[in-house]
Amino acid sequence: MDGDGRTSDPLIYATGDVTRFTSPIDGTSQRLECIQNAQAQADGVAAHITGQEPADPEIPWFWTVQHGVRLQTAGVRDAADDVIVRGEPAGGRFSVVYLRDGRLAAVDTVAGLTDFRPARKLIGQGARLDPTLAADPGIPLTDTVLNHPTDADLAAARI
């Protein structure tokens, strides 16, 4: 499948949560089995078919409610990422941030909307976080940013 959703037959498109796509975070080919990704792919294919300009790629995200608890994820973590827990899991409200080469690459939140929204933006900006500050749930995630990346930083990080 190419970047527009076309298969090897240029008249046939593939889209949905079981298709592979190029990640806007790191440029790798991957599958994300969630509604948000399927919708974004469908929007991109529709734009291509109708000759419209596609929307900028969105940072992957999804949410669910399990046993009355809202779980939200943004970005795509890697096993090699540095893991920082914000808050106390036993308390039922916490976040886990994943840093890749110092940049925020992903976040998982449990009843943590205050971290989820800013994290989505920070992931898209390729923000570098201070790990010590990021571990403190009393400090807003936006206040843990070390520097605001330039366009060159973003291109180099592919985040």
N, C-alpha and C. Protein backbone atom coordinates (compact mmCIF):
# COMPACT_ATOMS: atom_id res chain seq x y z
N MET A 1 0.85 -1.17 0.00
CA MET A 1 0.00 0.00 0.00
C MET A 1 0.90 1.24 0.00
N ASP A 2 0.55 2.22 -0.84
CA ASP A 2 1.34 3.45 -0.84
C ASP A 2 0.80 4.44 0.19
N GLY A 3 1.39 5.62 0.25
CA GLY A 3 0.98 6.62 1.23
C GLY A 3 -0.42 7.15 1.04
N ASP A 4 -1.03 6.89 -0.11
CA ASP A 4 -2.40 7.34 -0.37
C ASP A 4 -3.42 6.22 -0.17
N GLY A 5 -2.97 5.03 0.24
CA GLY A 5 -3.88 3.92 0.48
C GLY A 5 -4.08 3.01 -0.71
N ARG A 6 -3.36 3.27 -1.82
CA ARG A 6 -3.51 2.43 -3.01
C ARG A 6 -2.74 1.12 -2.83
N THR A 7 -3.34 0.07 -3.32
CA THR A 7 -2.68 -1.23 -3.33
C THR A 7 -1.82 -1.32 -4.58
N SER A 8 -1.32 -2.51 -4.88
CA SER A 8 -0.51 -2.68 -6.10
C SER A 8 -1.34 -2.43 -7.35
N ASP A 9 -2.65 -2.53 -7.24
CA ASP A 9 -3.56 -2.15 -8.34
C ASP A 9 -4.00 -0.72 -8.06
N PRO A 10 -3.62 0.26 -8.89
CA PRO A 10 -3.91 1.66 -8.60
C PRO A 10 -5.40 2.00 -8.53
N LEU A 11 -6.27 1.09 -8.93
CA LEU A 11 -7.71 1.34 -8.83
C LEU A 11 -8.32 0.78 -7.55
N ILE A 12 -7.49 0.11 -6.74
CA ILE A 12 -7.99 -0.50 -5.51
C ILE A 12 -7.27 0.13 -4.32
N TYR A 13 -8.06 0.59 -3.34
CA TYR A 13 -7.55 1.19 -2.11
C TYR A 13 -7.82 0.26 -0.94
N ALA A 14 -7.00 0.36 0.07
CA ALA A 14 -7.20 -0.39 1.31
C ALA A 14 -7.15 0.59 2.47
N THR A 15 -8.04 0.44 3.38
CA THR A 15 -8.08 1.31 4.55
C THR A 15 -8.72 0.55 5.70
N GLY A 16 -8.38 0.94 6.90
CA GLY A 16 -8.99 0.32 8.07
C GLY A 16 -7.96 -0.06 9.11
N ASP A 17 -8.46 -0.59 10.20
CA ASP A 17 -7.57 -0.85 11.32
C ASP A 17 -6.69 -2.08 11.16
N VAL A 18 -6.82 -2.81 10.06
CA VAL A 18 -5.95 -3.96 9.83
C VAL A 18 -4.97 -3.72 8.68
N THR A 19 -4.93 -2.50 8.15
CA THR A 19 -3.97 -2.20 7.08
C THR A 19 -2.72 -1.56 7.69
N ARG A 20 -1.64 -1.64 6.96
CA ARG A 20 -0.38 -1.03 7.39
C ARG A 20 -0.31 0.39 6.84
N PHE A 21 0.39 1.26 7.55
CA PHE A 21 0.58 2.63 7.13
C PHE A 21 1.94 3.10 7.62
N THR A 22 2.40 4.22 7.10
CA THR A 22 3.67 4.79 7.55
C THR A 22 3.40 5.69 8.74
N SER A 23 4.06 5.41 9.83
CA SER A 23 3.87 6.15 11.07
C SER A 23 4.36 7.59 10.94
N PRO A 24 3.54 8.58 11.38
CA PRO A 24 4.00 9.97 11.38
C PRO A 24 5.03 10.21 12.49
N ILE A 25 5.18 9.27 13.40
CA ILE A 25 6.12 9.44 14.51
C ILE A 25 7.53 9.06 14.11
N ASP A 26 7.70 7.87 13.52
CA ASP A 26 9.06 7.42 13.23
C ASP A 26 9.26 6.89 11.81
N GLY A 27 8.25 6.99 10.96
CA GLY A 27 8.38 6.60 9.57
C GLY A 27 8.37 5.10 9.32
N THR A 28 8.09 4.31 10.35
CA THR A 28 8.04 2.86 10.17
C THR A 28 6.68 2.43 9.65
N SER A 29 6.65 1.25 9.05
CA SER A 29 5.39 0.66 8.60
C SER A 29 4.77 -0.08 9.78
N GLN A 30 3.50 0.21 10.07
CA GLN A 30 2.86 -0.42 11.22
C GLN A 30 1.35 -0.51 11.05
N ARG A 31 0.75 -1.29 11.93
CA ARG A 31 -0.70 -1.39 12.01
C ARG A 31 -1.13 -0.89 13.37
N LEU A 32 -2.23 -0.15 13.42
CA LEU A 32 -2.84 0.26 14.67
C LEU A 32 -4.30 -0.14 14.61
N GLU A 33 -4.68 -1.04 15.44
CA GLU A 33 -6.05 -1.56 15.39
C GLU A 33 -6.94 -0.75 16.33
N CYS A 34 -7.33 0.44 15.85
CA CYS A 34 -8.22 1.30 16.62
C CYS A 34 -9.07 2.13 15.68
N ILE A 35 -10.19 2.58 16.17
CA ILE A 35 -11.14 3.33 15.36
C ILE A 35 -10.52 4.62 14.81
N GLN A 36 -9.78 5.34 15.63
CA GLN A 36 -9.19 6.61 15.20
C GLN A 36 -8.31 6.42 13.98
N ASN A 37 -7.48 5.39 13.99
CA ASN A 37 -6.60 5.13 12.87
C ASN A 37 -7.39 4.76 11.62
N ALA A 38 -8.39 3.89 11.78
CA ALA A 38 -9.21 3.49 10.64
C ALA A 38 -9.91 4.71 10.02
N GLN A 39 -10.42 5.60 10.86
CA GLN A 39 -11.09 6.81 10.37
C GLN A 39 -10.11 7.73 9.65
N ALA A 40 -8.92 7.91 10.22
CA ALA A 40 -7.91 8.78 9.59
C ALA A 40 -7.50 8.22 8.23
N GLN A 41 -7.33 6.90 8.14
CA GLN A 41 -6.97 6.31 6.85
C GLN A 41 -8.09 6.50 5.84
N ALA A 42 -9.33 6.29 6.26
CA ALA A 42 -10.46 6.46 5.35
C ALA A 42 -10.56 7.90 4.87
N ASP A 43 -10.34 8.85 5.75
CA ASP A 43 -10.35 10.26 5.36
C ASP A 43 -9.27 10.55 4.32
N GLY A 44 -8.09 9.99 4.52
CA GLY A 44 -6.99 10.19 3.58
C GLY A 44 -7.28 9.60 2.22
N VAL A 45 -7.83 8.39 2.19
CA VAL A 45 -8.18 7.74 0.92
C VAL A 45 -9.27 8.55 0.21
N ALA A 46 -10.28 9.00 0.96
CA ALA A 46 -11.35 9.79 0.35
C ALA A 46 -10.80 11.08 -0.24
N ALA A 47 -9.88 11.73 0.47
CA ALA A 47 -9.28 12.97 -0.05
C ALA A 47 -8.52 12.68 -1.34
N HIS A 48 -7.78 11.59 -1.38
CA HIS A 48 -7.01 11.26 -2.58
C HIS A 48 -7.93 10.96 -3.76
N ILE A 49 -8.96 10.17 -3.52
CA ILE A 49 -9.89 9.81 -4.60
C ILE A 49 -10.58 11.04 -5.17
N THR A 50 -10.93 11.99 -4.30
CA THR A 50 -11.67 13.17 -4.74
C THR A 50 -10.76 14.33 -5.14
N GLY A 51 -9.44 14.12 -5.09
CA GLY A 51 -8.50 15.15 -5.51
C GLY A 51 -8.32 16.28 -4.51
N GLN A 52 -8.70 16.06 -3.26
CA GLN A 52 -8.53 17.10 -2.24
C GLN A 52 -7.20 16.92 -1.54
N GLU A 53 -6.75 17.96 -0.90
CA GLU A 53 -5.51 17.92 -0.13
C GLU A 53 -5.79 17.13 1.16
N PRO A 54 -5.00 16.09 1.42
CA PRO A 54 -5.24 15.32 2.67
C PRO A 54 -4.85 16.14 3.89
N ALA A 55 -5.47 15.82 5.00
CA ALA A 55 -5.12 16.47 6.27
C ALA A 55 -3.73 16.03 6.70
N ASP A 56 -3.08 16.85 7.49
CA ASP A 56 -1.78 16.46 8.04
C ASP A 56 -1.96 15.19 8.87
N PRO A 57 -0.96 14.32 8.88
CA PRO A 57 -1.08 13.09 9.67
C PRO A 57 -1.28 13.43 11.14
N GLU A 58 -2.13 12.69 11.77
CA GLU A 58 -2.44 12.91 13.18
C GLU A 58 -1.63 11.93 14.03
N ILE A 59 -1.22 12.37 15.20
CA ILE A 59 -0.56 11.47 16.13
C ILE A 59 -1.57 10.40 16.52
N PRO A 60 -1.23 9.12 16.39
CA PRO A 60 -2.18 8.07 16.74
C PRO A 60 -2.63 8.20 18.19
N TRP A 61 -3.92 7.97 18.40
CA TRP A 61 -4.47 8.01 19.76
C TRP A 61 -5.70 7.12 19.81
N PHE A 62 -6.04 6.69 21.00
CA PHE A 62 -7.30 5.99 21.21
C PHE A 62 -7.66 6.04 22.68
N TRP A 63 -8.90 5.66 22.95
CA TRP A 63 -9.37 5.62 24.33
C TRP A 63 -10.36 4.47 24.47
N THR A 64 -10.56 4.07 25.70
CA THR A 64 -11.55 3.06 26.03
C THR A 64 -11.95 3.25 27.48
N VAL A 65 -13.07 2.69 27.86
CA VAL A 65 -13.48 2.65 29.26
C VAL A 65 -13.59 1.18 29.64
N GLN A 66 -12.82 0.80 30.63
CA GLN A 66 -12.81 -0.57 31.11
C GLN A 66 -13.14 -0.56 32.60
N HIS A 67 -14.19 -1.28 32.97
CA HIS A 67 -14.60 -1.38 34.38
C HIS A 67 -14.79 0.00 35.00
N GLY A 68 -15.33 0.93 34.19
CA GLY A 68 -15.61 2.27 34.67
C GLY A 68 -14.43 3.22 34.71
N VAL A 69 -13.28 2.79 34.19
CA VAL A 69 -12.07 3.62 34.21
C VAL A 69 -11.70 3.99 32.77
N ARG A 70 -11.46 5.27 32.55
CA ARG A 70 -11.09 5.75 31.21
C ARG A 70 -9.58 5.58 31.00
N LEU A 71 -9.23 4.87 29.95
CA LEU A 71 -7.83 4.66 29.56
C LEU A 71 -7.63 5.37 28.23
N GLN A 72 -6.54 6.14 28.12
CA GLN A 72 -6.25 6.86 26.88
C GLN A 72 -4.77 6.69 26.53
N THR A 73 -4.51 6.59 25.24
CA THR A 73 -3.14 6.45 24.73
C THR A 73 -2.95 7.40 23.57
N ALA A 74 -1.77 8.00 23.50
CA ALA A 74 -1.38 8.80 22.35
C ALA A 74 0.04 8.42 21.98
N GLY A 75 0.32 8.42 20.68
CA GLY A 75 1.64 8.01 20.21
C GLY A 75 1.75 6.50 20.18
N VAL A 76 2.92 6.03 19.84
CA VAL A 76 3.17 4.59 19.79
C VAL A 76 4.47 4.34 20.53
N ARG A 77 4.40 3.55 21.58
CA ARG A 77 5.59 3.28 22.38
C ARG A 77 6.45 2.22 21.72
N ASP A 78 7.70 2.20 22.12
CA ASP A 78 8.65 1.20 21.67
C ASP A 78 9.26 0.57 22.92
N ALA A 79 9.61 -0.70 22.82
CA ALA A 79 10.16 -1.40 23.98
C ALA A 79 11.43 -0.74 24.51
N ALA A 80 12.15 -0.01 23.67
CA ALA A 80 13.40 0.64 24.09
C ALA A 80 13.17 2.01 24.72
N ASP A 81 11.94 2.53 24.72
CA ASP A 81 11.67 3.85 25.28
C ASP A 81 11.96 3.87 26.78
N ASP A 82 12.36 5.05 27.28
CA ASP A 82 12.46 5.26 28.72
C ASP A 82 11.05 5.46 29.25
N VAL A 83 10.74 4.81 30.35
CA VAL A 83 9.39 4.82 30.92
C VAL A 83 9.38 5.62 32.21
N ILE A 84 8.45 6.57 32.31
CA ILE A 84 8.31 7.39 33.50
C ILE A 84 6.85 7.32 33.94
N VAL A 85 6.63 6.98 35.21
CA VAL A 85 5.28 6.93 35.77
C VAL A 85 5.03 8.23 36.51
N ARG A 86 3.91 8.87 36.16
CA ARG A 86 3.48 10.11 36.81
C ARG A 86 2.27 9.77 37.68
N GLY A 87 2.43 9.87 38.97
CA GLY A 87 1.34 9.55 39.87
C GLY A 87 1.51 8.17 40.47
N GLU A 88 0.52 7.75 41.20
CA GLU A 88 0.57 6.48 41.92
C GLU A 88 -0.47 5.52 41.37
N PRO A 89 -0.03 4.47 40.67
CA PRO A 89 -0.99 3.51 40.10
C PRO A 89 -1.99 2.97 41.12
N ALA A 90 -1.57 2.75 42.36
CA ALA A 90 -2.48 2.22 43.38
C ALA A 90 -3.64 3.18 43.64
N GLY A 91 -3.44 4.47 43.37
CA GLY A 91 -4.49 5.47 43.57
C GLY A 91 -5.52 5.51 42.46
N GLY A 92 -5.25 4.81 41.34
CA GLY A 92 -6.21 4.73 40.25
C GLY A 92 -6.20 5.89 39.28
N ARG A 93 -5.28 6.82 39.45
CA ARG A 93 -5.16 7.97 38.53
C ARG A 93 -3.68 8.23 38.31
N PHE A 94 -3.20 7.93 37.10
CA PHE A 94 -1.78 8.10 36.81
C PHE A 94 -1.56 8.11 35.31
N SER A 95 -0.34 8.47 34.93
CA SER A 95 0.06 8.46 33.53
C SER A 95 1.42 7.78 33.42
N VAL A 96 1.66 7.22 32.25
CA VAL A 96 2.97 6.67 31.93
C VAL A 96 3.43 7.37 30.66
N VAL A 97 4.57 8.04 30.76
CA VAL A 97 5.12 8.73 29.58
C VAL A 97 6.32 7.93 29.08
N TYR A 98 6.47 7.93 27.77
CA TYR A 98 7.53 7.18 27.11
C TYR A 98 8.41 8.17 26.36
N LEU A 99 9.68 8.20 26.72
CA LEU A 99 10.64 9.10 26.08
C LEU A 99 11.53 8.29 25.16
N ARG A 100 11.69 8.79 23.95
CA ARG A 100 12.58 8.18 22.96
C ARG A 100 13.65 9.21 22.63
N ASP A 101 14.88 8.92 23.03
CA ASP A 101 15.98 9.88 22.86
C ASP A 101 15.62 11.23 23.48
N GLY A 102 14.95 11.18 24.62
CA GLY A 102 14.59 12.38 25.35
C GLY A 102 13.31 13.06 24.90
N ARG A 103 12.74 12.63 23.79
CA ARG A 103 11.52 13.25 23.25
C ARG A 103 10.30 12.43 23.68
N LEU A 104 9.22 13.13 23.96
CA LEU A 104 7.99 12.43 24.30
C LEU A 104 7.47 11.71 23.06
N ALA A 105 7.39 10.38 23.14
CA ALA A 105 6.96 9.56 22.00
C ALA A 105 5.55 9.02 22.20
N ALA A 106 5.16 8.80 23.47
CA ALA A 106 3.84 8.22 23.72
C ALA A 106 3.46 8.49 25.17
N VAL A 107 2.16 8.33 25.44
CA VAL A 107 1.65 8.46 26.80
C VAL A 107 0.47 7.50 26.96
N ASP A 108 0.38 6.88 28.11
CA ASP A 108 -0.79 6.11 28.52
C ASP A 108 -1.33 6.78 29.76
N THR A 109 -2.64 7.03 29.80
CA THR A 109 -3.22 7.65 30.99
C THR A 109 -4.35 6.79 31.51
N VAL A 110 -4.46 6.75 32.82
CA VAL A 110 -5.55 6.08 33.51
C VAL A 110 -6.24 7.17 34.31
N ALA A 111 -7.45 7.53 33.89
CA ALA A 111 -8.21 8.62 34.52
C ALA A 111 -7.35 9.88 34.58
N GLY A 112 -6.60 10.17 33.50
CA GLY A 112 -5.65 11.27 33.52
C GLY A 112 -5.78 12.23 32.36
N LEU A 113 -6.94 12.79 32.16
CA LEU A 113 -7.15 13.70 31.04
C LEU A 113 -6.22 14.90 31.09
N THR A 114 -5.81 15.32 32.27
CA THR A 114 -4.94 16.50 32.37
C THR A 114 -3.58 16.25 31.71
N ASP A 115 -3.13 15.01 31.61
CA ASP A 115 -1.88 14.71 30.91
C ASP A 115 -2.13 14.36 29.45
N PHE A 116 -3.25 13.74 29.15
CA PHE A 116 -3.48 13.23 27.80
C PHE A 116 -3.52 14.34 26.75
N ARG A 117 -4.30 15.36 26.97
CA ARG A 117 -4.43 16.43 25.96
C ARG A 117 -3.11 17.13 25.66
N PRO A 118 -2.40 17.60 26.68
CA PRO A 118 -1.12 18.25 26.35
C PRO A 118 -0.10 17.27 25.75
N ALA A 119 -0.13 16.01 26.18
CA ALA A 119 0.84 15.04 25.65
C ALA A 119 0.65 14.86 24.15
N ARG A 120 -0.58 14.81 23.68
CA ARG A 120 -0.81 14.67 22.23
C ARG A 120 -0.11 15.80 21.47
N LYS A 121 -0.24 17.02 21.97
CA LYS A 121 0.40 18.16 21.30
C LYS A 121 1.91 18.08 21.41
N LEU A 122 2.41 17.72 22.58
CA LEU A 122 3.85 17.66 22.79
C LEU A 122 4.49 16.56 21.94
N ILE A 123 3.80 15.45 21.76
CA ILE A 123 4.32 14.39 20.89
C ILE A 123 4.47 14.93 19.47
N GLY A 124 3.44 15.61 18.99
CA GLY A 124 3.48 16.19 17.65
C GLY A 124 4.56 17.23 17.47
N GLN A 125 4.92 17.91 18.54
CA GLN A 125 5.96 18.95 18.49
C GLN A 125 7.36 18.37 18.64
N GLY A 126 7.46 17.09 18.97
CA GLY A 126 8.77 16.49 19.19
C GLY A 126 9.44 17.04 20.44
N ALA A 127 8.64 17.36 21.45
CA ALA A 127 9.16 18.02 22.65
C ALA A 127 10.09 17.11 23.45
N ARG A 128 11.19 17.71 23.90
CA ARG A 128 12.10 17.04 24.82
C ARG A 128 11.63 17.37 26.23
N LEU A 129 11.54 16.34 27.08
CA LEU A 129 11.09 16.55 28.46
C LEU A 129 12.22 16.32 29.44
N ASP A 130 12.18 17.05 30.56
CA ASP A 130 13.08 16.80 31.67
C ASP A 130 12.51 15.59 32.41
N PRO A 131 13.21 14.46 32.43
CA PRO A 131 12.66 13.25 33.04
C PRO A 131 12.33 13.41 34.52
N THR A 132 13.14 14.17 35.26
CA THR A 132 12.88 14.34 36.69
C THR A 132 11.59 15.13 36.90
N LEU A 133 11.42 16.21 36.15
CA LEU A 133 10.19 17.00 36.26
C LEU A 133 8.99 16.21 35.76
N ALA A 134 9.17 15.45 34.70
CA ALA A 134 8.06 14.68 34.12
C ALA A 134 7.54 13.62 35.08
N ALA A 135 8.37 13.17 36.01
CA ALA A 135 7.95 12.16 36.98
C ALA A 135 7.07 12.74 38.08
N ASP A 136 7.01 14.04 38.19
CA ASP A 136 6.23 14.70 39.25
C ASP A 136 4.84 15.05 38.74
N PRO A 137 3.80 14.33 39.20
CA PRO A 137 2.45 14.61 38.70
C PRO A 137 1.91 15.97 39.13
N GLY A 138 2.58 16.62 40.06
CA GLY A 138 2.16 17.96 40.49
C GLY A 138 2.61 19.05 39.53
N ILE A 139 3.49 18.70 38.60
CA ILE A 139 3.97 19.67 37.62
C ILE A 139 3.26 19.39 36.30
N PRO A 140 2.59 20.39 35.73
CA PRO A 140 1.93 20.16 34.43
C PRO A 140 2.94 19.67 33.41
N LEU A 141 2.52 18.72 32.60
CA LEU A 141 3.41 18.12 31.60
C LEU A 141 4.04 19.18 30.71
N THR A 142 3.29 20.22 30.38
CA THR A 142 3.82 21.29 29.52
C THR A 142 4.97 22.04 30.19
N ASP A 143 5.03 22.02 31.52
CA ASP A 143 6.11 22.69 32.24
C ASP A 143 7.35 21.83 32.37
N THR A 144 7.33 20.63 31.81
CA THR A 144 8.50 19.75 31.86
C THR A 144 9.31 19.80 30.57
N VAL A 145 8.84 20.61 29.60
CA VAL A 145 9.52 20.71 28.31
C VAL A 145 10.85 21.43 28.49
N LEU A 146 11.92 20.83 27.96
CA LEU A 146 13.26 21.41 28.07
C LEU A 146 13.46 22.55 27.09
N ASN A 147 12.97 22.36 25.87
CA ASN A 147 13.10 23.40 24.85
C ASN A 147 11.99 23.20 23.84
N HIS A 148 11.69 24.22 23.12
CA HIS A 148 10.69 24.09 22.07
C HIS A 148 11.44 23.82 20.78
N PRO A 149 11.14 22.68 20.15
CA PRO A 149 11.93 22.27 18.98
C PRO A 149 11.72 23.17 17.78
N THR A 150 12.78 23.26 16.99
CA THR A 150 12.70 24.01 15.73
C THR A 150 12.20 23.06 14.64
N ASP A 151 11.90 23.61 13.47
CA ASP A 151 11.50 22.76 12.34
C ASP A 151 12.57 21.74 12.00
N ALA A 152 13.84 22.15 12.13
CA ALA A 152 14.94 21.22 11.84
C ALA A 152 14.97 20.08 12.85
N ASP A 153 14.69 20.41 14.14
CA ASP A 153 14.61 19.35 15.17
C ASP A 153 13.52 18.36 14.84
N LEU A 154 12.36 18.87 14.42
CA LEU A 154 11.23 18.00 14.10
C LEU A 154 11.56 17.10 12.93
N ALA A 155 12.18 17.66 11.90
CA ALA A 155 12.53 16.85 10.74
C ALA A 155 13.54 15.77 11.12
N ALA A 156 14.51 16.12 11.96
CA ALA A 156 15.53 15.15 12.37
C ALA A 156 14.92 14.05 13.23
N ALA A 157 13.95 14.41 14.07
CA ALA A 157 13.36 13.43 14.97
C ALA A 157 12.25 12.61 14.32
N ARG A 158 11.68 13.10 13.24
CA ARG A 158 10.54 12.48 12.57
C ARG A 158 9.41 12.21 13.57
N ILE A 159 9.25 13.13 14.52
CA ILE A 159 8.16 13.02 15.51
C ILE A 159 7.22 14.16 15.26
